[in-house]
Amino acid sequence: GEEASDEMEQSSKSMKENKKSNSSSAQQKAKQKMQQMSKSLQESSDGMDAEQIELDIKATRQILTNLLRYSFEQEKIIERTKVVSASSPLYVDINKEQGQLGTTSKIIKDSFFALSKRVFQIATTVNKETTELDANIKKATMALQNRQTPGALVAQQAAMTNANNLALILNELLSNLMSDQQQAQRGDKEGGD
């Protein structure tokens, strides 16, 4: 988990520095680490009971929904930040909206933390990504307050990268949980006959 997080961070840094070749190799390494984490998740969840799997599926779907909402809102704010002049009164509205996303990110972070207590294999990577998401939202808000559009856009884009990495983790987890649920249901049917 921690290695995947390190690789995702390296990928994000490379993207920020516009080093496309480094970025793609870092993304490839991150993908490999994610696959390793996925395998670990699959192996550890084999012993989970059906009720716990169902709870984790619901929690994962809820977090994924919140993360997608966050991503859509952040994307809208990024687009508005690009076109609204820093001297415009609308810039203050953009800053307020960015600040509200900070509240949303705290909810996401708390939800991830609760889930990572039950699915400990994701804990290190998730905690690192959510902390960075929080930090990048704060950086974006500060840059907007100071009317520094380029800095705000960089921080907003970094926050989007964190959100995308978290969504990938959730998607993989959801896939594994649903597979476990099907196996558990098959086991129940075979045992009940």
Protein backbone atom coordinates (compact mmCIF):
# COMPACT_ATOMS: atom_id res chain seq x y z
CA GLY A 1 0.00 0.00 0.00
CA GLU A 2 2.70 2.50 0.99
CA GLU A 3 4.77 1.71 -2.11
CA ALA A 4 1.73 2.28 -4.35
CA SER A 5 1.17 5.59 -2.61
CA ASP A 6 4.81 6.58 -3.17
CA GLU A 7 4.55 5.67 -6.84
CA MET A 8 1.31 7.67 -7.22
CA GLU A 9 2.99 10.65 -5.54
CA GLN A 10 5.96 10.36 -7.91
CA SER A 11 3.56 10.22 -10.85
CA SER A 12 1.75 13.31 -9.59
CA LYS A 13 5.02 15.21 -9.12
CA SER A 14 6.19 14.27 -12.58
CA MET A 15 2.90 15.45 -14.07
CA LYS A 16 3.21 18.77 -12.25
CA GLU A 17 6.71 19.20 -13.63
CA ASN A 18 5.46 18.33 -17.14
CA LYS A 19 7.88 15.45 -17.44
CA LYS A 20 5.64 13.25 -19.53
CA SER A 21 8.09 10.37 -19.89
CA ASN A 22 8.82 10.28 -16.15
CA SER A 23 5.14 10.67 -15.44
CA SER A 24 4.14 7.71 -17.59
CA SER A 25 6.80 5.44 -16.07
CA ALA A 26 5.80 6.58 -12.58
CA GLN A 27 2.15 5.90 -13.47
CA GLN A 28 3.12 2.44 -14.71
CA LYS A 29 4.91 1.72 -11.42
CA ALA A 30 1.90 3.03 -9.48
CA LYS A 31 -0.36 0.76 -11.55
CA GLN A 32 1.84 -2.25 -10.72
CA LYS A 33 1.76 -1.39 -7.02
CA MET A 34 -2.02 -1.01 -7.21
CA GLN A 35 -2.26 -4.47 -8.79
CA GLN A 36 -0.14 -5.89 -5.98
CA MET A 37 -2.38 -4.18 -3.42
CA SER A 38 -5.41 -5.58 -5.25
CA LYS A 39 -4.02 -9.10 -4.98
CA SER A 40 -3.38 -8.55 -1.27
CA LEU A 41 -6.93 -7.26 -0.82
CA GLN A 42 -8.31 -10.29 -2.65
CA GLU A 43 -6.36 -12.71 -0.47
CA SER A 44 -7.28 -11.01 2.80
CA SER A 45 -10.97 -10.65 2.05
CA ASP A 46 -11.45 -14.34 1.30
CA GLY A 47 -12.28 -15.05 4.95
CA MET A 48 -14.79 -12.23 5.43
CA ASP A 49 -18.40 -13.07 6.20
CA ALA A 50 -21.23 -12.08 3.85
CA GLU A 51 -22.69 -9.47 6.19
CA GLN A 52 -19.37 -7.65 6.57
CA ILE A 53 -18.79 -7.79 2.81
CA GLU A 54 -22.23 -6.23 2.24
CA LEU A 55 -21.46 -3.43 4.71
CA ASP A 56 -18.11 -2.76 3.06
CA ILE A 57 -19.70 -2.71 -0.41
CA LYS A 58 -22.27 -0.13 0.76
CA ALA A 59 -19.58 1.99 2.43
CA THR A 60 -17.34 1.80 -0.63
CA ARG A 61 -20.17 2.80 -2.97
CA GLN A 62 -21.09 5.74 -0.73
CA ILE A 63 -17.50 6.99 -0.59
CA LEU A 64 -17.17 6.55 -4.35
CA THR A 65 -20.37 8.57 -4.87
CA ASN A 66 -19.06 11.36 -2.62
CA LEU A 67 -15.71 11.28 -4.41
CA LEU A 68 -17.38 11.55 -7.81
CA ARG A 69 -19.48 14.50 -6.61
CA TYR A 70 -16.32 16.14 -5.31
CA SER A 71 -14.56 15.55 -8.66
CA PHE A 72 -17.41 17.07 -10.68
CA GLU A 73 -17.55 20.12 -8.41
CA GLN A 74 -13.77 20.54 -8.47
CA GLU A 75 -13.75 20.31 -12.26
CA LYS A 76 -16.39 23.06 -12.46
CA ILE A 77 -14.35 25.26 -10.14
CA ILE A 78 -11.19 24.66 -12.18
CA GLU A 79 -12.99 25.70 -15.37
CA ARG A 80 -14.36 28.84 -13.71
CA THR A 81 -10.95 29.68 -12.22
CA LYS A 82 -9.45 29.56 -15.72
CA VAL A 83 -11.88 32.10 -17.19
CA VAL A 84 -12.75 34.49 -14.32
CA SER A 85 -10.40 37.42 -13.80
CA ALA A 86 -8.78 37.65 -10.37
CA SER A 87 -10.15 41.19 -10.10
CA SER A 88 -13.75 40.06 -10.71
CA PRO A 89 -16.24 39.90 -7.83
CA LEU A 90 -17.03 36.35 -9.05
CA TYR A 91 -13.54 35.32 -7.94
CA VAL A 92 -14.75 35.57 -4.32
CA ASP A 93 -17.55 33.10 -5.14
CA ILE A 94 -15.03 30.69 -6.62
CA ASN A 95 -12.99 30.90 -3.43
CA LYS A 96 -16.09 30.16 -1.30
CA GLU A 97 -16.91 27.14 -3.47
CA GLN A 98 -13.33 25.89 -3.16
CA GLY A 99 -13.57 26.27 0.61
CA GLN A 100 -16.80 24.27 0.67
CA LEU A 101 -14.98 21.45 -1.11
CA GLY A 102 -12.64 21.42 1.88
CA THR A 103 -15.62 20.37 4.01
CA THR A 104 -16.51 17.69 1.47
CA SER A 105 -12.94 16.39 1.49
CA LYS A 106 -13.02 16.08 5.30
CA ILE A 107 -16.16 13.92 5.03
CA ILE A 108 -14.46 11.78 2.39
CA LYS A 109 -11.32 11.51 4.55
CA ASP A 110 -13.34 10.44 7.62
CA SER A 111 -15.25 7.86 5.57
CA PHE A 112 -12.04 6.46 4.12
CA PHE A 113 -10.49 6.31 7.58
CA ALA A 114 -13.43 4.28 8.91
CA LEU A 115 -13.25 1.92 5.91
CA SER A 116 -9.48 1.55 6.19
CA LYS A 117 -9.90 0.31 9.78
CA ARG A 118 -11.82 -2.68 8.38
CA VAL A 119 -9.80 -3.09 5.17
CA PHE A 120 -6.37 -2.36 6.55
CA GLN A 121 -4.51 -3.08 3.29
CA ILE A 122 -5.70 0.24 1.87
CA ALA A 123 -4.92 2.27 5.01
CA THR A 124 -1.45 3.62 4.18
CA THR A 125 -2.22 4.59 0.61
CA VAL A 126 -5.66 5.99 1.40
CA ASN A 127 -4.49 8.01 4.39
CA LYS A 128 -1.64 9.51 2.37
CA GLU A 129 -3.89 10.39 -0.60
CA THR A 130 -6.65 11.87 1.57
CA THR A 131 -4.12 13.94 3.51
CA GLU A 132 -2.67 15.24 0.24
CA LEU A 133 -6.18 15.91 -1.09
CA ASP A 134 -6.91 17.98 2.00
CA ALA A 135 -3.60 19.85 1.71
CA ASN A 136 -4.10 20.59 -1.99
CA ILE A 137 -7.60 21.95 -1.38
CA LYS A 138 -6.21 24.22 1.33
CA LYS A 139 -3.43 25.38 -1.02
CA ALA A 140 -5.99 26.11 -3.73
CA THR A 141 -8.17 28.06 -1.29
CA MET A 142 -5.19 30.10 -0.06
CA ALA A 143 -4.05 30.83 -3.61
CA LEU A 144 -7.56 31.96 -4.52
CA GLN A 145 -7.71 34.17 -1.43
CA ASN A 146 -4.44 35.75 -2.56
CA ARG A 147 -5.79 35.97 -6.13
CA GLN A 148 -2.95 33.81 -7.45
CA THR A 149 -4.73 32.00 -10.27
CA PRO A 150 -1.77 29.92 -11.53
CA GLY A 151 -1.04 28.58 -8.03
CA ALA A 152 -4.72 27.85 -7.48
CA LEU A 153 -4.95 25.91 -10.73
CA VAL A 154 -1.88 23.81 -9.89
CA ALA A 155 -3.26 22.95 -6.44
CA GLN A 156 -6.72 22.22 -7.86
CA GLN A 157 -5.25 19.88 -10.47
CA ALA A 158 -3.16 18.12 -7.82
CA ALA A 159 -6.34 17.64 -5.74
CA MET A 160 -8.02 16.11 -8.80
CA THR A 161 -5.09 13.70 -9.16
CA ASN A 162 -5.51 12.68 -5.51
CA ALA A 163 -9.25 12.18 -6.04
CA ASN A 164 -8.61 10.08 -9.15
CA ASN A 165 -6.10 7.90 -7.29
CA LEU A 166 -8.61 7.39 -4.48
CA ALA A 167 -11.32 6.49 -6.99
CA LEU A 168 -9.02 3.86 -8.54
CA ILE A 169 -8.42 2.33 -5.11
CA LEU A 170 -12.16 2.29 -4.38
CA ASN A 171 -12.98 0.81 -7.75
CA GLU A 172 -10.51 -2.02 -7.20
CA LEU A 173 -11.79 -2.59 -3.67
CA LEU A 174 -15.40 -2.63 -4.85
CA SER A 175 -14.55 -5.15 -7.56
CA ASN A 176 -12.85 -7.42 -5.03
CA LEU A 177 -15.68 -7.10 -2.52
CA MET A 178 -18.31 -7.95 -5.12
CA SER A 179 -16.29 -10.96 -6.20
CA ASP A 180 -16.04 -12.07 -2.56
CA GLN A 181 -19.78 -11.59 -2.16
CA GLN A 182 -20.48 -13.84 -5.15
CA GLN A 183 -18.13 -16.48 -3.77
CA ALA A 184 -19.80 -16.29 -0.37
CA GLN A 185 -23.24 -16.64 -1.95
CA ARG A 186 -22.09 -19.67 -3.97
CA GLY A 187 -20.67 -21.16 -0.79
CA ASP A 188 -23.97 -20.62 1.01
CA LYS A 189 -25.93 -22.33 -1.78
CA GLU A 190 -23.57 -25.30 -1.86
CA GLY A 191 -23.62 -25.59 1.93
CA GLY A 192 -27.44 -25.31 2.07
CA ASP A 193 -28.14 -28.13 -0.38
